[in-house]
Amino acid sequence: MVDYRFAYLFGTSLFGLVWLYIFLRRPDLRKEQLFMSCLLILGGLTEPLFFDQYWHPYFLISIPGINIGIESILLCFFYGGIASTLYEFIFNDILKKTSRENQKMRTLEILVAIFICATVFLFSQFIFKINIIYAACFGLLAGGITLIVFRKDLLLSAVLNGIIMTIISFIILIILTFVFPGIFDLWWRLDLLSGIRIFSIPFEEIIYHFSLGFAAGPLYEVWKGYSDLKKSLR
């Protein structure tokens, strides 16, 4: 009999394998990967907002009285390192300094993008009262679009990054449902969602992971003033 208590940790570990593969194969991306992992690890602290509004997973190790588990922290850590480097990894690109803007201007652009992301999320969740997963998607997309406004040359890479993130997460979720049959019916609040499912996977998972990849992809490049350059041209 399958022990569903390990489902969250199992799914998180699959993302961890992808993170490790990128880390080992592309030493030139490690700085970006580690930075973005440490930045997005803060997203694990938002788990109480999602708990019972989007899903109610089982945590092996959790903070007493708060719906935050070690799995939440690890997953966001892996999310950051994966979602920020997929485009460069898949298309064999390197990061090259090209921006003419100074560091203060680039930092301001990042702060503006984060502010817009947070504002859209908060308005969607607390003013318009929509489900938190949609609020999160709207916030991420708004933040990503803001980054693209500042760096229009990153539009294609951001979109492709989101698509690749969607494909990888979809494969991982397919594996998860094979190992833990019916997991989405047990843990996800399907009654609060659209009801659209692809191979049993809620459609919301697909749009969330695209939004995450779309927003995280260009963030480091905007902050550092980097552009993508084919590795073969180095």
C-alpha atoms as a PDB file:
ATOM      1  CA  MET A   1       0.000   0.000   0.000  1.00  0.00           C
ATOM      2  CA  VAL A   2       1.310   3.441  -0.951  1.00  0.00           C
ATOM      3  CA  ASP A   3       2.083   5.757   1.954  1.00  0.00           C
ATOM      4  CA  TYR A   4       0.839   9.182   0.864  1.00  0.00           C
ATOM      5  CA  ARG A   5       2.686  10.871   3.705  1.00  0.00           C
ATOM      6  CA  PHE A   6       5.778  10.813   1.500  1.00  0.00           C
ATOM      7  CA  ALA A   7       4.091  12.189  -1.631  1.00  0.00           C
ATOM      8  CA  TYR A   8       5.088  15.838  -1.123  1.00  0.00           C
ATOM      9  CA  LEU A   9       8.676  14.927  -0.336  1.00  0.00           C
ATOM     10  CA  PHE A  10       8.792  12.577  -3.328  1.00  0.00           C
ATOM     11  CA  GLY A  11       7.543  15.239  -5.734  1.00  0.00           C
ATOM     12  CA  THR A  12       9.931  17.788  -4.262  1.00  0.00           C
ATOM     13  CA  SER A  13      12.816  15.321  -4.679  1.00  0.00           C
ATOM     14  CA  LEU A  14      12.043  14.975  -8.385  1.00  0.00           C
ATOM     15  CA  PHE A  15      12.423  18.722  -8.794  1.00  0.00           C
ATOM     16  CA  GLY A  16      15.599  18.407  -6.733  1.00  0.00           C
ATOM     17  CA  LEU A  17      17.040  15.945  -9.257  1.00  0.00           C
ATOM     18  CA  VAL A  18      16.381  18.400 -12.086  1.00  0.00           C
ATOM     19  CA  TRP A  19      18.025  21.167 -10.030  1.00  0.00           C
ATOM     20  CA  LEU A  20      21.069  18.978  -9.360  1.00  0.00           C
ATOM     21  CA  TYR A  21      21.382  17.954 -13.013  1.00  0.00           C
ATOM     22  CA  ILE A  22      21.494  21.590 -14.123  1.00  0.00           C
ATOM     23  CA  PHE A  23      23.938  22.436 -11.331  1.00  0.00           C
ATOM     24  CA  LEU A  24      26.357  19.666 -12.308  1.00  0.00           C
ATOM     25  CA  ARG A  25      26.151  20.124 -16.065  1.00  0.00           C
ATOM     26  CA  ARG A  26      26.403  23.921 -16.211  1.00  0.00           C
ATOM     27  CA  PRO A  27      28.970  25.361 -13.788  1.00  0.00           C
ATOM     28  CA  ASP A  28      28.621  28.744 -15.521  1.00  0.00           C
ATOM     29  CA  LEU A  29      24.994  28.972 -14.372  1.00  0.00           C
ATOM     30  CA  ARG A  30      25.621  28.038 -10.745  1.00  0.00           C
ATOM     31  CA  LYS A  31      25.838  31.604  -9.457  1.00  0.00           C
ATOM     32  CA  GLU A  32      22.471  32.487 -10.990  1.00  0.00           C
ATOM     33  CA  GLN A  33      20.985  29.168  -9.900  1.00  0.00           C
ATOM     34  CA  LEU A  34      22.050  29.519  -6.279  1.00  0.00           C
ATOM     35  CA  PHE A  35      21.052  33.173  -6.068  1.00  0.00           C
ATOM     36  CA  MET A  36      17.576  32.541  -7.438  1.00  0.00           C
ATOM     37  CA  SER A  37      17.139  29.454  -5.251  1.00  0.00           C
ATOM     38  CA  CYS A  38      17.974  31.459  -2.140  1.00  0.00           C
ATOM     39  CA  LEU A  39      15.638  34.244  -3.275  1.00  0.00           C
ATOM     40  CA  LEU A  40      12.639  32.064  -4.077  1.00  0.00           C
ATOM     41  CA  ILE A  41      13.071  29.961  -0.948  1.00  0.00           C
ATOM     42  CA  LEU A  42      11.149  32.783   0.735  1.00  0.00           C
ATOM     43  CA  GLY A  43       8.143  31.599  -1.248  1.00  0.00           C
ATOM     44  CA  GLY A  44       7.970  28.599   1.048  1.00  0.00           C
ATOM     45  CA  LEU A  45       6.770  30.938   3.780  1.00  0.00           C
ATOM     46  CA  THR A  46       3.582  31.563   1.790  1.00  0.00           C
ATOM     47  CA  GLU A  47       2.437  27.960   2.176  1.00  0.00           C
ATOM     48  CA  PRO A  48      -0.151  28.861   4.880  1.00  0.00           C
ATOM     49  CA  LEU A  49      -1.921  31.047   2.296  1.00  0.00           C
ATOM     50  CA  PHE A  50      -2.282  28.116  -0.087  1.00  0.00           C
ATOM     51  CA  PHE A  51      -3.121  25.517   2.541  1.00  0.00           C
ATOM     52  CA  ASP A  52      -6.776  24.515   2.327  1.00  0.00           C
ATOM     53  CA  GLN A  53      -7.395  27.242  -0.233  1.00  0.00           C
ATOM     54  CA  TYR A  54      -5.637  25.392  -3.026  1.00  0.00           C
ATOM     55  CA  TRP A  55      -4.517  22.138  -1.460  1.00  0.00           C
ATOM     56  CA  HIS A  56      -3.832  20.474   1.886  1.00  0.00           C
ATOM     57  CA  PRO A  57      -0.693  18.309   1.626  1.00  0.00           C
ATOM     58  CA  TYR A  58       0.866  16.218   4.379  1.00  0.00           C
ATOM     59  CA  PHE A  59       4.171  17.505   5.805  1.00  0.00           C
ATOM     60  CA  LEU A  60       6.724  15.069   7.206  1.00  0.00           C
ATOM     61  CA  ILE A  61       8.430  17.864   9.142  1.00  0.00           C
ATOM     62  CA  SER A  62       6.463  21.032   9.842  1.00  0.00           C
ATOM     63  CA  ILE A  63       6.482  24.068  12.100  1.00  0.00           C
ATOM     64  CA  PRO A  64       4.010  23.438  14.945  1.00  0.00           C
ATOM     65  CA  GLY A  65       0.822  25.421  14.535  1.00  0.00           C
ATOM     66  CA  ILE A  66       1.810  26.716  11.087  1.00  0.00           C
ATOM     67  CA  ASN A  67       1.127  24.968   7.794  1.00  0.00           C
ATOM     68  CA  ILE A  68       4.708  25.136   6.558  1.00  0.00           C
ATOM     69  CA  GLY A  69       6.714  21.988   5.998  1.00  0.00           C
ATOM     70  CA  ILE A  70      10.321  21.299   5.076  1.00  0.00           C
ATOM     71  CA  GLU A  71       8.931  20.233   1.710  1.00  0.00           C
ATOM     72  CA  SER A  72       7.568  23.748   1.112  1.00  0.00           C
ATOM     73  CA  ILE A  73      10.975  25.307   1.723  1.00  0.00           C
ATOM     74  CA  LEU A  74      12.850  22.772  -0.402  1.00  0.00           C
ATOM     75  CA  LEU A  75      10.394  22.986  -3.278  1.00  0.00           C
ATOM     76  CA  CYS A  76      10.695  26.763  -3.527  1.00  0.00           C
ATOM     77  CA  PHE A  77      14.480  26.468  -3.327  1.00  0.00           C
ATOM     78  CA  PHE A  78      14.476  24.059  -6.271  1.00  0.00           C
ATOM     79  CA  TYR A  79      11.883  26.146  -8.112  1.00  0.00           C
ATOM     80  CA  GLY A  80      14.168  29.184  -8.022  1.00  0.00           C
ATOM     81  CA  GLY A  81      17.217  27.433  -9.407  1.00  0.00           C
ATOM     82  CA  ILE A  82      15.289  25.585 -12.099  1.00  0.00           C
ATOM     83  CA  ALA A  83      12.897  28.275 -13.298  1.00  0.00           C
ATOM     84  CA  SER A  84      15.654  30.854 -13.676  1.00  0.00           C
ATOM     85  CA  THR A  85      18.101  28.796 -15.757  1.00  0.00           C
ATOM     86  CA  LEU A  86      16.054  26.519 -18.026  1.00  0.00           C
ATOM     87  CA  TYR A  87      16.308  28.660 -21.144  1.00  0.00           C
ATOM     88  CA  GLU A  88      20.088  28.980 -20.921  1.00  0.00           C
ATOM     89  CA  PHE A  89      20.444  25.305 -20.101  1.00  0.00           C
ATOM     90  CA  ILE A  90      18.235  23.936 -22.889  1.00  0.00           C
ATOM     91  CA  PHE A  91      19.453  26.308 -25.607  1.00  0.00           C
ATOM     92  CA  ASN A  92      23.076  26.170 -24.492  1.00  0.00           C
ATOM     93  CA  ASP A  93      23.275  29.917 -23.877  1.00  0.00           C
ATOM     94  CA  ILE A  94      25.632  31.803 -21.611  1.00  0.00           C
ATOM     95  CA  LEU A  95      25.076  35.093 -19.795  1.00  0.00           C
ATOM     96  CA  LYS A  96      26.974  38.086 -21.174  1.00  0.00           C
ATOM     97  CA  LYS A  97      27.106  41.578 -19.689  1.00  0.00           C
ATOM     98  CA  THR A  98      25.483  43.974 -22.157  1.00  0.00           C
ATOM     99  CA  SER A  99      23.357  46.462 -20.210  1.00  0.00           C
ATOM    100  CA  ARG A 100      24.335  50.131 -20.282  1.00  0.00           C
ATOM    101  CA  GLU A 101      22.244  50.894 -17.212  1.00  0.00           C
ATOM    102  CA  ASN A 102      23.912  51.347 -13.840  1.00  0.00           C
ATOM    103  CA  GLN A 103      23.291  48.996 -10.939  1.00  0.00           C
ATOM    104  CA  LYS A 104      20.979  51.421  -9.140  1.00  0.00           C
ATOM    105  CA  MET A 105      18.660  51.612 -12.146  1.00  0.00           C
ATOM    106  CA  ARG A 106      18.601  47.841 -12.564  1.00  0.00           C
ATOM    107  CA  THR A 107      17.871  47.359  -8.863  1.00  0.00           C
ATOM    108  CA  LEU A 108      15.035  49.883  -9.129  1.00  0.00           C
ATOM    109  CA  GLU A 109      13.571  47.916 -12.053  1.00  0.00           C
ATOM    110  CA  ILE A 110      13.614  44.735  -9.972  1.00  0.00           C
ATOM    111  CA  LEU A 111      11.939  46.475  -7.045  1.00  0.00           C
ATOM    112  CA  VAL A 112       9.247  47.875  -9.341  1.00  0.00           C
ATOM    113  CA  ALA A 113       8.601  44.404 -10.789  1.00  0.00           C
ATOM    114  CA  ILE A 114       8.366  42.871  -7.308  1.00  0.00           C
ATOM    115  CA  PHE A 115       6.056  45.660  -6.157  1.00  0.00           C
ATOM    116  CA  ILE A 116       3.726  45.166  -9.125  1.00  0.00           C
ATOM    117  CA  CYS A 117       3.785  41.400  -8.646  1.00  0.00           C
ATOM    118  CA  ALA A 118       2.872  41.735  -4.958  1.00  0.00           C
ATOM    119  CA  THR A 119       0.234  44.400  -5.620  1.00  0.00           C
ATOM    120  CA  VAL A 120      -1.549  42.367  -8.293  1.00  0.00           C
ATOM    121  CA  PHE A 121      -1.419  39.304  -6.069  1.00  0.00           C
ATOM    122  CA  LEU A 122      -2.829  41.114  -3.033  1.00  0.00           C
ATOM    123  CA  PHE A 123      -5.577  42.870  -4.986  1.00  0.00           C
ATOM    124  CA  SER A 124      -6.567  39.611  -6.696  1.00  0.00           C
ATOM    125  CA  GLN A 125      -6.631  37.680  -3.447  1.00  0.00           C
ATOM    126  CA  PHE A 126      -8.060  40.127  -0.929  1.00  0.00           C
ATOM    127  CA  ILE A 127     -10.011  42.660  -3.009  1.00  0.00           C
ATOM    128  CA  PHE A 128     -11.392  40.540  -5.846  1.00  0.00           C
ATOM    129  CA  LYS A 129     -11.492  37.395  -3.663  1.00  0.00           C
ATOM    130  CA  ILE A 130     -10.315  34.977  -6.344  1.00  0.00           C
ATOM    131  CA  ASN A 131      -8.653  31.687  -5.475  1.00  0.00           C
ATOM    132  CA  ILE A 132      -5.075  32.118  -4.356  1.00  0.00           C
ATOM    133  CA  ILE A 133      -3.594  30.043  -7.182  1.00  0.00           C
ATOM    134  CA  TYR A 134      -5.066  32.425  -9.756  1.00  0.00           C
ATOM    135  CA  ALA A 135      -3.913  35.396  -7.695  1.00  0.00           C
ATOM    136  CA  ALA A 136      -0.399  33.939  -7.644  1.00  0.00           C
ATOM    137  CA  CYS A 137      -0.456  33.391 -11.419  1.00  0.00           C
ATOM    138  CA  PHE A 138      -1.682  36.929 -12.091  1.00  0.00           C
ATOM    139  CA  GLY A 139       0.976  38.346  -9.786  1.00  0.00           C
ATOM    140  CA  LEU A 140       3.783  36.370 -11.407  1.00  0.00           C
ATOM    141  CA  LEU A 141       2.644  37.251 -14.915  1.00  0.00           C
ATOM    142  CA  ALA A 142       2.380  40.920 -13.987  1.00  0.00           C
ATOM    143  CA  GLY A 143       5.881  40.852 -12.520  1.00  0.00           C
ATOM    144  CA  GLY A 144       7.246  39.066 -15.564  1.00  0.00           C
ATOM    145  CA  ILE A 145       5.591  41.500 -17.973  1.00  0.00           C
ATOM    146  CA  THR A 146       7.074  44.403 -16.015  1.00  0.00           C
ATOM    147  CA  LEU A 147      10.544  42.910 -16.428  1.00  0.00           C
ATOM    148  CA  ILE A 148       9.939  42.518 -20.158  1.00  0.00           C
ATOM    149  CA  VAL A 149       8.895  46.171 -20.412  1.00  0.00           C
ATOM    150  CA  PHE A 150      12.331  47.065 -19.045  1.00  0.00           C
ATOM    151  CA  ARG A 151      14.106  44.449 -21.194  1.00  0.00           C
ATOM    152  CA  LYS A 152      12.131  43.722 -24.361  1.00  0.00           C
ATOM    153  CA  ASP A 153      14.978  41.584 -25.692  1.00  0.00           C
ATOM    154  CA  LEU A 154      14.155  38.986 -23.025  1.00  0.00           C
ATOM    155  CA  LEU A 155      10.554  38.396 -24.176  1.00  0.00           C
ATOM    156  CA  LEU A 156      11.240  35.271 -26.241  1.00  0.00           C
ATOM    157  CA  SER A 157      13.483  33.692 -23.619  1.00  0.00           C
ATOM    158  CA  ALA A 158      10.901  34.406 -20.885  1.00  0.00           C
ATOM    159  CA  VAL A 159       8.086  32.768 -22.857  1.00  0.00           C
ATOM    160  CA  LEU A 160      10.199  29.748 -23.788  1.00  0.00           C
ATOM    161  CA  ASN A 161      11.430  29.489 -20.209  1.00  0.00           C
ATOM    162  CA  GLY A 162       7.813  29.363 -19.032  1.00  0.00           C
ATOM    163  CA  ILE A 163       6.945  26.686 -21.587  1.00  0.00           C
ATOM    164  CA  ILE A 164       9.922  24.513 -20.626  1.00  0.00           C
ATOM    165  CA  MET A 165       9.105  24.918 -16.930  1.00  0.00           C
ATOM    166  CA  THR A 166       5.548  23.810 -17.707  1.00  0.00           C
ATOM    167  CA  ILE A 167       6.706  20.710 -19.576  1.00  0.00           C
ATOM    168  CA  ILE A 168       9.151  19.632 -16.872  1.00  0.00           C
ATOM    169  CA  SER A 169       6.651  20.153 -14.055  1.00  0.00           C
ATOM    170  CA  PHE A 170       3.964  18.329 -16.052  1.00  0.00           C
ATOM    171  CA  ILE A 171       6.235  15.292 -16.450  1.00  0.00           C
ATOM    172  CA  ILE A 172       7.059  15.336 -12.738  1.00  0.00           C
ATOM    173  CA  LEU A 173       3.375  15.561 -11.814  1.00  0.00           C
ATOM    174  CA  ILE A 174       2.594  12.651 -14.157  1.00  0.00           C
ATOM    175  CA  ILE A 175       5.224  10.583 -12.340  1.00  0.00           C
ATOM    176  CA  LEU A 176       3.764  11.700  -9.016  1.00  0.00           C
ATOM    177  CA  THR A 177       0.279  10.520  -9.932  1.00  0.00           C
ATOM    178  CA  PHE A 178       1.630   7.154 -11.113  1.00  0.00           C
ATOM    179  CA  VAL A 179       3.449   6.578  -7.825  1.00  0.00           C
ATOM    180  CA  PHE A 180       0.642   8.044  -5.719  1.00  0.00           C
ATOM    181  CA  PRO A 181      -2.626   7.313  -7.584  1.00  0.00           C
ATOM    182  CA  GLY A 182      -5.433   9.757  -6.892  1.00  0.00           C
ATOM    183  CA  ILE A 183      -3.164  12.239  -5.134  1.00  0.00           C
ATOM    184  CA  PHE A 184      -4.862  15.219  -6.781  1.00  0.00           C
ATOM    185  CA  ASP A 185      -8.269  14.063  -5.589  1.00  0.00           C
ATOM    186  CA  LEU A 186      -6.955  13.634  -2.059  1.00  0.00           C
ATOM    187  CA  TRP A 187      -4.881  16.768  -1.561  1.00  0.00           C
ATOM    188  CA  TRP A 188      -6.077  19.387  -4.044  1.00  0.00           C
ATOM    189  CA  ARG A 189      -9.191  21.507  -3.422  1.00  0.00           C
ATOM    190  CA  LEU A 190     -10.691  20.618  -6.783  1.00  0.00           C
ATOM    191  CA  ASP A 191     -14.045  21.976  -5.640  1.00  0.00           C
ATOM    192  CA  LEU A 192     -12.538  25.478  -5.621  1.00  0.00           C
ATOM    193  CA  LEU A 193     -10.817  25.191  -9.007  1.00  0.00           C
ATOM    194  CA  SER A 194     -11.899  25.224 -12.653  1.00  0.00           C
ATOM    195  CA  GLY A 195     -12.361  21.463 -12.876  1.00  0.00           C
ATOM    196  CA  ILE A 196     -10.231  21.308 -16.029  1.00  0.00           C
ATOM    197  CA  ARG A 197      -7.740  18.465 -15.829  1.00  0.00           C
ATOM    198  CA  ILE A 198      -5.178  17.109 -18.275  1.00  0.00           C
ATOM    199  CA  PHE A 199      -4.225  13.501 -17.584  1.00  0.00           C
ATOM    200  CA  SER A 200      -5.694  14.023 -14.100  1.00  0.00           C
ATOM    201  CA  ILE A 201      -3.476  17.059 -13.453  1.00  0.00           C
ATOM    202  CA  PRO A 202      -5.385  20.256 -12.559  1.00  0.00           C
ATOM    203  CA  PHE A 203      -5.065  22.939 -15.227  1.00  0.00           C
ATOM    204  CA  GLU A 204      -4.067  25.378 -12.499  1.00  0.00           C
ATOM    205  CA  GLU A 205      -0.789  23.525 -12.030  1.00  0.00           C
ATOM    206  CA  ILE A 206       0.026  24.124 -15.676  1.00  0.00           C
ATOM    207  CA  ILE A 207      -0.655  27.851 -15.682  1.00  0.00           C
ATOM    208  CA  TYR A 208       1.128  28.297 -12.341  1.00  0.00           C
ATOM    209  CA  HIS A 209       4.348  26.689 -13.524  1.00  0.00           C
ATOM    210  CA  PHE A 210       4.277  28.650 -16.769  1.00  0.00           C
ATOM    211  CA  SER A 211       3.814  31.870 -14.804  1.00  0.00           C
ATOM    212  CA  LEU A 212       6.675  30.936 -12.499  1.00  0.00           C
ATOM    213  CA  GLY A 213       9.040  30.214 -15.387  1.00  0.00           C
ATOM    214  CA  PHE A 214       7.957  33.346 -17.238  1.00  0.00           C
ATOM    215  CA  ALA A 215       8.635  35.600 -14.249  1.00  0.00           C
ATOM    216  CA  ALA A 216      11.770  33.935 -12.893  1.00  0.00           C
ATOM    217  CA  GLY A 217      13.494  33.535 -16.256  1.00  0.00           C
ATOM    218  CA  PRO A 218      14.398  37.191 -16.904  1.00  0.00           C
ATOM    219  CA  LEU A 219      14.733  38.354 -13.287  1.00  0.00           C
ATOM    220  CA  TYR A 220      18.446  37.658 -12.816  1.00  0.00           C
ATOM    221  CA  GLU A 221      19.312  39.010 -16.265  1.00  0.00           C
ATOM    222  CA  VAL A 222      17.487  42.290 -15.602  1.00  0.00           C
ATOM    223  CA  TRP A 223      19.129  42.712 -12.215  1.00  0.00           C
ATOM    224  CA  LYS A 224      22.634  41.930 -13.455  1.00  0.00           C
ATOM    225  CA  GLY A 225      22.291  43.521 -16.890  1.00  0.00           C
ATOM    226  CA  TYR A 226      22.964  40.260 -18.718  1.00  0.00           C
ATOM    227  CA  SER A 227      21.811  39.026 -22.111  1.00  0.00           C
ATOM    228  CA  ASP A 228      21.743  35.477 -23.448  1.00  0.00           C
ATOM    229  CA  LEU A 229      24.447  34.557 -25.921  1.00  0.00           C
ATOM    230  CA  LYS A 230      24.957  31.252 -27.696  1.00  0.00           C
ATOM    231  CA  LYS A 231      27.710  29.277 -26.001  1.00  0.00           C
ATOM    232  CA  SER A 232      29.255  28.384 -29.316  1.00  0.00           C
ATOM    233  CA  LEU A 233      29.961  32.091 -29.906  1.00  0.00           C
ATOM    234  CA  ARG A 234      32.120  32.451 -26.820  1.00  0.00           C
END
